[in-house]
């Protein structure tokens, strides 16, 4: 049985097995949408012009994701 699983390993998609992937993708899309809006309002022509805002938004998104992750009792209390 073990060999059967090992033989299928090359066919497994390369993606992290995390329950937070969907939330992370949504947050990244939200940040990107907000940055596009900011860039349009400020008539930015270079990414450097909104880099501080991008860093701030990404920091906020990361903080929100960490809050969600800390709520996971399995991550906070590992089994012995």
C-alpha atoms as a PDB file:
ATOM      1  CA  UNK A   1       0.000   0.000   0.000  1.00  0.00           C
ATOM      2  CA  UNK A   2       2.823   2.429   0.811  1.00  0.00           C
ATOM      3  CA  UNK A   3       4.377   1.981  -2.632  1.00  0.00           C
ATOM      4  CA  UNK A   4       1.086   2.884  -4.254  1.00  0.00           C
ATOM      5  CA  UNK A   5       1.106   6.245  -2.485  1.00  0.00           C
ATOM      6  CA  UNK A   6       4.778   6.844  -3.275  1.00  0.00           C
ATOM      7  CA  UNK A   7       4.174   6.159  -6.956  1.00  0.00           C
ATOM      8  CA  UNK A   8       1.480   8.824  -7.001  1.00  0.00           C
ATOM      9  CA  UNK A   9       3.674  11.503  -5.408  1.00  0.00           C
ATOM     10  CA  UNK A  10       4.751  13.077  -8.739  1.00  0.00           C
ATOM     11  CA  UNK A  11       1.067  13.570  -9.614  1.00  0.00           C
ATOM     12  CA  UNK A  12       0.197  15.532  -6.483  1.00  0.00           C
ATOM     13  CA  UNK A  13      -0.162  19.256  -7.230  1.00  0.00           C
ATOM     14  CA  UNK A  14       2.489  21.480  -5.718  1.00  0.00           C
ATOM     15  CA  UNK A  15       0.594  23.669  -3.297  1.00  0.00           C
ATOM     16  CA  UNK A  16       0.773  24.181   0.427  1.00  0.00           C
ATOM     17  CA  UNK A  17      -1.701  22.207   2.466  1.00  0.00           C
ATOM     18  CA  UNK A  18      -2.941  25.072   4.601  1.00  0.00           C
ATOM     19  CA  UNK A  19      -6.492  25.915   5.572  1.00  0.00           C
ATOM     20  CA  UNK A  20      -5.515  29.595   5.317  1.00  0.00           C
ATOM     21  CA  UNK A  21      -4.687  29.643   1.595  1.00  0.00           C
ATOM     22  CA  UNK A  22      -8.180  30.751   0.571  1.00  0.00           C
ATOM     23  CA  UNK A  23      -8.270  33.521   3.165  1.00  0.00           C
ATOM     24  CA  UNK A  24      -4.782  34.646   2.182  1.00  0.00           C
ATOM     25  CA  UNK A  25      -5.696  34.832  -1.502  1.00  0.00           C
ATOM     26  CA  UNK A  26      -8.813  36.876  -0.689  1.00  0.00           C
ATOM     27  CA  UNK A  27      -6.797  39.262   1.467  1.00  0.00           C
ATOM     28  CA  UNK A  28      -4.125  39.678  -1.210  1.00  0.00           C
ATOM     29  CA  UNK A  29      -6.793  40.396  -3.830  1.00  0.00           C
ATOM     30  CA  UNK A  30      -8.356  42.955  -1.500  1.00  0.00           C
ATOM     31  CA  UNK A  31      -5.009  44.689  -0.972  1.00  0.00           C
ATOM     32  CA  UNK A  32      -4.324  44.697  -4.712  1.00  0.00           C
ATOM     33  CA  UNK A  33      -7.747  46.189  -5.454  1.00  0.00           C
ATOM     34  CA  UNK A  34      -7.231  48.883  -2.831  1.00  0.00           C
ATOM     35  CA  UNK A  35      -3.761  49.699  -4.199  1.00  0.00           C
ATOM     36  CA  UNK A  36      -5.107  50.035  -7.722  1.00  0.00           C
ATOM     37  CA  UNK A  37      -7.723  52.453  -6.416  1.00  0.00           C
ATOM     38  CA  UNK A  38      -5.077  54.470  -4.515  1.00  0.00           C
ATOM     39  CA  UNK A  39      -2.795  54.562  -7.562  1.00  0.00           C
ATOM     40  CA  UNK A  40      -5.634  55.813  -9.774  1.00  0.00           C
ATOM     41  CA  UNK A  41      -6.654  58.497  -7.280  1.00  0.00           C
ATOM     42  CA  UNK A  42      -3.067  59.743  -6.937  1.00  0.00           C
ATOM     43  CA  UNK A  43      -2.306  59.378 -10.656  1.00  0.00           C
ATOM     44  CA  UNK A  44       0.751  57.275  -9.814  1.00  0.00           C
ATOM     45  CA  UNK A  45       2.996  56.266 -12.678  1.00  0.00           C
ATOM     46  CA  UNK A  46       5.550  54.220 -10.735  1.00  0.00           C
ATOM     47  CA  UNK A  47       5.124  51.506  -8.133  1.00  0.00           C
ATOM     48  CA  UNK A  48       7.559  53.300  -5.820  1.00  0.00           C
ATOM     49  CA  UNK A  49       4.957  56.023  -5.351  1.00  0.00           C
ATOM     50  CA  UNK A  50       2.571  53.681  -3.538  1.00  0.00           C
ATOM     51  CA  UNK A  51       5.152  51.370  -1.967  1.00  0.00           C
ATOM     52  CA  UNK A  52       4.678  52.761   1.577  1.00  0.00           C
ATOM     53  CA  UNK A  53       0.896  52.329   1.261  1.00  0.00           C
ATOM     54  CA  UNK A  54       1.374  48.798  -0.102  1.00  0.00           C
ATOM     55  CA  UNK A  55       3.580  47.841   2.830  1.00  0.00           C
ATOM     56  CA  UNK A  56       1.072  49.279   5.274  1.00  0.00           C
ATOM     57  CA  UNK A  57      -1.858  47.412   3.699  1.00  0.00           C
ATOM     58  CA  UNK A  58       0.082  44.150   3.571  1.00  0.00           C
ATOM     59  CA  UNK A  59       1.088  44.543   7.223  1.00  0.00           C
ATOM     60  CA  UNK A  60      -2.566  45.027   8.152  1.00  0.00           C
ATOM     61  CA  UNK A  61      -3.634  41.980   6.139  1.00  0.00           C
ATOM     62  CA  UNK A  62      -0.913  39.882   7.729  1.00  0.00           C
ATOM     63  CA  UNK A  63      -2.041  41.003  11.175  1.00  0.00           C
ATOM     64  CA  UNK A  64      -5.628  39.980  10.438  1.00  0.00           C
ATOM     65  CA  UNK A  65      -4.491  36.606   9.163  1.00  0.00           C
ATOM     66  CA  UNK A  66      -2.366  36.036  12.266  1.00  0.00           C
ATOM     67  CA  UNK A  67      -5.412  36.780  14.436  1.00  0.00           C
ATOM     68  CA  UNK A  68      -7.325  34.078  12.568  1.00  0.00           C
ATOM     69  CA  UNK A  69      -4.442  31.636  12.890  1.00  0.00           C
ATOM     70  CA  UNK A  70      -4.146  32.242  16.639  1.00  0.00           C
ATOM     71  CA  UNK A  71      -7.794  31.276  17.028  1.00  0.00           C
ATOM     72  CA  UNK A  72      -6.948  27.753  15.826  1.00  0.00           C
ATOM     73  CA  UNK A  73      -6.773  25.638  18.974  1.00  0.00           C
ATOM     74  CA  UNK A  74      -4.772  22.960  17.160  1.00  0.00           C
ATOM     75  CA  UNK A  75      -1.981  25.423  16.377  1.00  0.00           C
ATOM     76  CA  UNK A  76      -1.976  26.957  19.854  1.00  0.00           C
ATOM     77  CA  UNK A  77      -2.054  23.685  21.773  1.00  0.00           C
ATOM     78  CA  UNK A  78       0.056  21.067  19.986  1.00  0.00           C
ATOM     79  CA  UNK A  79      -0.514  17.500  21.035  1.00  0.00           C
ATOM     80  CA  UNK A  80       2.223  15.913  23.182  1.00  0.00           C
END
